[in-house]
Amino acid sequence: VEHACFRFCAREPPVNLLEPEALWSQLDWPSGQPLLLAFSGGGDSLALLHLFRDSPWPLALAHLDHGQGATQAGAVRELAGDLGVPLHSRRL
C-alpha cells in the first residue's frame, strides 16, 4: 500500500514547507475530511498545529499523557479549548 507521506516526500522540486498553502497543496487528502494531529505539546507539535490551524480541513488533536507532567497535559487541554479544536486524550 502506497502511503500518502511517501508520495508527498518523494515529490520534486521541494516546496517551501514554511508556507502553509504550499504544504496544503502537496497533500493528497480529501477536502473536508478531518485531520487528526498527534500532539505532545512540544515545539514540533506546536509548529504542526500552526501550519494546519487555518487549513481547509477540520482538525482534532490526539494527546497521549504519559503521566510525567500534569502541567503539560493541562496546557494541551487548555490550548485545545482556547482554539476550539477537539482533543482526544488518554493517560497511561
N, C-alpha and C. Protein backbone atom coordinates (compact mmCIF):
# COMPACT_ATOMS: atom_id res chain seq x y z
N VAL A 1 0.85 -1.18 0.00
CA VAL A 1 0.00 0.00 0.00
C VAL A 1 0.89 1.24 0.00
N GLU A 2 0.64 2.12 -0.94
CA GLU A 2 1.42 3.36 -1.02
C GLU A 2 0.91 4.34 0.03
N HIS A 3 1.80 4.88 0.79
CA HIS A 3 1.46 5.81 1.86
C HIS A 3 1.46 7.25 1.34
N ALA A 4 0.50 8.05 1.80
CA ALA A 4 0.39 9.44 1.33
C ALA A 4 1.65 10.23 1.61
N CYS A 5 2.31 9.97 2.75
CA CYS A 5 3.53 10.70 3.08
C CYS A 5 4.63 10.39 2.07
N PHE A 6 4.70 9.13 1.62
CA PHE A 6 5.71 8.78 0.64
C PHE A 6 5.51 9.58 -0.65
N ARG A 7 4.28 9.68 -1.10
CA ARG A 7 4.00 10.46 -2.32
C ARG A 7 4.41 11.91 -2.11
N PHE A 8 4.13 12.46 -0.92
CA PHE A 8 4.46 13.85 -0.64
C PHE A 8 5.98 14.02 -0.56
N CYS A 9 6.65 13.17 0.19
CA CYS A 9 8.08 13.32 0.43
C CYS A 9 8.91 13.09 -0.82
N ALA A 10 8.40 12.30 -1.77
CA ALA A 10 9.16 11.97 -2.97
C ALA A 10 8.98 12.99 -4.09
N ARG A 11 8.15 14.00 -3.90
CA ARG A 11 7.89 14.99 -4.95
C ARG A 11 9.12 15.85 -5.21
N GLU A 12 9.25 16.26 -6.44
CA GLU A 12 10.30 17.19 -6.85
C GLU A 12 9.64 18.29 -7.65
N PRO A 13 10.05 19.51 -7.62
CA PRO A 13 11.05 20.04 -6.73
C PRO A 13 10.49 20.24 -5.33
N PRO A 14 11.36 20.43 -4.35
CA PRO A 14 10.88 20.63 -2.98
C PRO A 14 10.04 21.89 -2.88
N VAL A 15 9.08 21.88 -1.99
CA VAL A 15 8.24 23.05 -1.76
C VAL A 15 8.69 23.73 -0.49
N ASN A 16 8.34 24.99 -0.36
CA ASN A 16 8.65 25.73 0.86
C ASN A 16 7.63 25.34 1.92
N LEU A 17 8.00 24.45 2.81
CA LEU A 17 7.07 23.93 3.81
C LEU A 17 6.74 24.95 4.89
N LEU A 18 7.42 26.09 4.89
CA LEU A 18 7.09 27.12 5.86
C LEU A 18 5.88 27.93 5.43
N GLU A 19 5.47 27.78 4.19
CA GLU A 19 4.27 28.45 3.69
C GLU A 19 3.13 27.45 3.79
N PRO A 20 2.16 27.68 4.68
CA PRO A 20 1.09 26.69 4.87
C PRO A 20 0.38 26.30 3.59
N GLU A 21 0.06 27.26 2.73
CA GLU A 21 -0.66 26.94 1.50
C GLU A 21 0.15 26.02 0.59
N ALA A 22 1.49 26.19 0.59
CA ALA A 22 2.35 25.32 -0.22
C ALA A 22 2.30 23.89 0.31
N LEU A 23 2.30 23.74 1.60
CA LEU A 23 2.19 22.40 2.19
C LEU A 23 0.83 21.79 1.89
N TRP A 24 -0.22 22.56 2.10
CA TRP A 24 -1.58 22.04 1.87
C TRP A 24 -1.75 21.57 0.43
N SER A 25 -1.18 22.32 -0.53
CA SER A 25 -1.37 21.97 -1.94
C SER A 25 -0.67 20.66 -2.30
N GLN A 26 0.28 20.22 -1.49
CA GLN A 26 1.02 19.00 -1.77
C GLN A 26 0.40 17.76 -1.12
N LEU A 27 -0.53 17.97 -0.21
CA LEU A 27 -1.12 16.83 0.49
C LEU A 27 -2.22 16.18 -0.33
N ASP A 28 -2.22 14.89 -0.33
CA ASP A 28 -3.25 14.11 -1.01
C ASP A 28 -4.28 13.70 0.05
N TRP A 29 -5.10 14.66 0.45
CA TRP A 29 -6.09 14.42 1.50
C TRP A 29 -7.43 14.98 1.03
N PRO A 30 -8.50 14.21 1.13
CA PRO A 30 -9.79 14.68 0.64
C PRO A 30 -10.27 15.94 1.36
N SER A 31 -10.77 16.87 0.59
CA SER A 31 -11.29 18.12 1.14
C SER A 31 -12.41 17.83 2.11
N GLY A 32 -12.37 18.49 3.25
CA GLY A 32 -13.41 18.35 4.25
C GLY A 32 -13.23 17.19 5.21
N GLN A 33 -12.28 16.28 4.90
CA GLN A 33 -12.02 15.15 5.80
C GLN A 33 -11.15 15.63 6.95
N PRO A 34 -11.50 15.26 8.18
CA PRO A 34 -10.73 15.76 9.33
C PRO A 34 -9.31 15.21 9.37
N LEU A 35 -8.43 16.03 9.94
CA LEU A 35 -7.06 15.62 10.19
C LEU A 35 -6.89 15.44 11.70
N LEU A 36 -6.33 14.32 12.10
CA LEU A 36 -6.03 14.07 13.49
C LEU A 36 -4.53 14.23 13.66
N LEU A 37 -4.13 15.27 14.41
CA LEU A 37 -2.71 15.55 14.61
C LEU A 37 -2.25 14.96 15.93
N ALA A 38 -1.21 14.13 15.89
CA ALA A 38 -0.58 13.66 17.13
C ALA A 38 0.08 14.87 17.77
N PHE A 39 -0.25 15.13 19.03
CA PHE A 39 0.14 16.39 19.66
C PHE A 39 0.70 16.15 21.04
N SER A 40 2.00 16.36 21.21
CA SER A 40 2.64 16.19 22.51
C SER A 40 2.59 17.47 23.35
N GLY A 41 2.48 18.59 22.67
CA GLY A 41 2.55 19.87 23.36
C GLY A 41 3.93 20.51 23.22
N GLY A 42 4.87 19.79 22.63
CA GLY A 42 6.22 20.32 22.42
C GLY A 42 6.29 21.23 21.21
N GLY A 43 7.48 21.70 20.94
CA GLY A 43 7.69 22.65 19.86
C GLY A 43 7.31 22.14 18.49
N ASP A 44 7.64 20.88 18.20
CA ASP A 44 7.28 20.31 16.89
C ASP A 44 5.77 20.25 16.72
N SER A 45 5.08 19.84 17.77
CA SER A 45 3.62 19.75 17.71
C SER A 45 2.99 21.13 17.55
N LEU A 46 3.54 22.11 18.24
CA LEU A 46 3.02 23.46 18.11
C LEU A 46 3.21 24.00 16.69
N ALA A 47 4.37 23.70 16.09
CA ALA A 47 4.62 24.13 14.71
C ALA A 47 3.64 23.46 13.75
N LEU A 48 3.40 22.16 13.94
CA LEU A 48 2.46 21.45 13.09
C LEU A 48 1.05 22.01 13.23
N LEU A 49 0.65 22.27 14.47
CA LEU A 49 -0.66 22.87 14.70
C LEU A 49 -0.76 24.24 14.03
N HIS A 50 0.29 25.03 14.13
CA HIS A 50 0.30 26.35 13.49
C HIS A 50 0.14 26.22 11.98
N LEU A 51 0.82 25.24 11.37
CA LEU A 51 0.73 25.06 9.92
C LEU A 51 -0.67 24.65 9.46
N PHE A 52 -1.37 23.88 10.29
CA PHE A 52 -2.66 23.36 9.86
C PHE A 52 -3.86 24.06 10.49
N ARG A 53 -3.64 25.01 11.35
CA ARG A 53 -4.74 25.67 12.07
C ARG A 53 -5.77 26.29 11.14
N ASP A 54 -5.34 26.92 10.08
CA ASP A 54 -6.26 27.58 9.15
C ASP A 54 -6.41 26.79 7.84
N SER A 55 -6.12 25.51 7.90
CA SER A 55 -6.19 24.67 6.70
C SER A 55 -7.64 24.43 6.29
N PRO A 56 -7.83 23.90 5.09
CA PRO A 56 -9.19 23.61 4.63
C PRO A 56 -9.80 22.35 5.25
N TRP A 57 -9.10 21.75 6.21
CA TRP A 57 -9.60 20.53 6.86
C TRP A 57 -9.90 20.80 8.32
N PRO A 58 -10.98 20.21 8.84
CA PRO A 58 -11.22 20.32 10.28
C PRO A 58 -10.14 19.55 11.04
N LEU A 59 -9.69 20.11 12.16
CA LEU A 59 -8.61 19.50 12.93
C LEU A 59 -9.12 18.90 14.23
N ALA A 60 -8.41 17.89 14.69
CA ALA A 60 -8.56 17.36 16.04
C ALA A 60 -7.16 17.00 16.50
N LEU A 61 -6.95 17.05 17.80
CA LEU A 61 -5.65 16.71 18.37
C LEU A 61 -5.75 15.40 19.12
N ALA A 62 -4.69 14.59 19.06
CA ALA A 62 -4.58 13.36 19.83
C ALA A 62 -3.37 13.51 20.75
N HIS A 63 -3.60 13.37 22.06
CA HIS A 63 -2.53 13.54 23.03
C HIS A 63 -2.47 12.31 23.93
N LEU A 64 -1.25 11.78 24.10
CA LEU A 64 -1.03 10.66 25.00
C LEU A 64 -0.29 11.18 26.22
N ASP A 65 -0.97 11.18 27.36
CA ASP A 65 -0.40 11.67 28.62
C ASP A 65 0.34 10.52 29.29
N HIS A 66 1.65 10.64 29.36
CA HIS A 66 2.47 9.59 29.96
C HIS A 66 2.53 9.71 31.48
N GLY A 67 1.83 10.69 32.03
CA GLY A 67 1.81 10.88 33.48
C GLY A 67 3.08 11.47 34.04
N GLN A 68 3.92 12.03 33.19
CA GLN A 68 5.18 12.59 33.65
C GLN A 68 5.11 14.09 33.89
N GLY A 69 4.01 14.68 33.50
CA GLY A 69 3.90 16.12 33.69
C GLY A 69 2.47 16.58 33.57
N ALA A 70 1.79 16.69 34.70
CA ALA A 70 0.40 17.14 34.67
C ALA A 70 0.29 18.53 34.08
N THR A 71 1.34 19.32 34.24
CA THR A 71 1.33 20.68 33.71
C THR A 71 1.21 20.65 32.19
N GLN A 72 1.98 19.77 31.52
CA GLN A 72 1.93 19.71 30.06
C GLN A 72 0.56 19.22 29.59
N ALA A 73 0.02 18.19 30.22
CA ALA A 73 -1.29 17.68 29.83
C ALA A 73 -2.35 18.77 30.02
N GLY A 74 -2.27 19.52 31.09
CA GLY A 74 -3.20 20.61 31.32
C GLY A 74 -3.05 21.71 30.29
N ALA A 75 -1.80 22.01 29.91
CA ALA A 75 -1.56 23.04 28.90
C ALA A 75 -2.12 22.61 27.55
N VAL A 76 -2.02 21.32 27.23
CA VAL A 76 -2.57 20.81 25.97
C VAL A 76 -4.09 20.96 25.98
N ARG A 77 -4.73 20.58 27.09
CA ARG A 77 -6.19 20.73 27.20
C ARG A 77 -6.61 22.19 27.08
N GLU A 78 -5.87 23.07 27.75
CA GLU A 78 -6.19 24.49 27.70
C GLU A 78 -6.05 25.05 26.29
N LEU A 79 -4.96 24.70 25.61
CA LEU A 79 -4.73 25.19 24.24
C LEU A 79 -5.82 24.70 23.30
N ALA A 80 -6.14 23.42 23.37
CA ALA A 80 -7.20 22.88 22.51
C ALA A 80 -8.52 23.60 22.77
N GLY A 81 -8.83 23.83 24.04
CA GLY A 81 -10.06 24.55 24.38
C GLY A 81 -10.05 25.98 23.86
N ASP A 82 -8.93 26.66 24.03
CA ASP A 82 -8.82 28.05 23.57
C ASP A 82 -8.99 28.15 22.05
N LEU A 83 -8.48 27.16 21.33
CA LEU A 83 -8.56 27.18 19.86
C LEU A 83 -9.85 26.57 19.33
N GLY A 84 -10.61 25.93 20.21
CA GLY A 84 -11.83 25.27 19.76
C GLY A 84 -11.55 24.03 18.93
N VAL A 85 -10.43 23.37 19.21
CA VAL A 85 -10.03 22.16 18.48
C VAL A 85 -10.36 20.95 19.37
N PRO A 86 -11.10 19.96 18.86
CA PRO A 86 -11.38 18.78 19.65
C PRO A 86 -10.08 18.07 20.07
N LEU A 87 -10.07 17.57 21.31
CA LEU A 87 -8.90 16.88 21.84
C LEU A 87 -9.29 15.47 22.25
N HIS A 88 -8.53 14.50 21.77
CA HIS A 88 -8.69 13.10 22.17
C HIS A 88 -7.46 12.77 22.99
N SER A 89 -7.64 12.54 24.30
CA SER A 89 -6.51 12.35 25.20
C SER A 89 -6.68 11.08 26.00
N ARG A 90 -5.57 10.39 26.21
CA ARG A 90 -5.55 9.19 27.04
C ARG A 90 -4.35 9.30 27.98
N ARG A 91 -4.51 8.77 29.17
CA ARG A 91 -3.42 8.74 30.15
C ARG A 91 -2.96 7.31 30.34
N LEU A 92 -1.66 7.11 30.34
CA LEU A 92 -1.10 5.77 30.57
C LEU A 92 -0.97 5.52 32.05
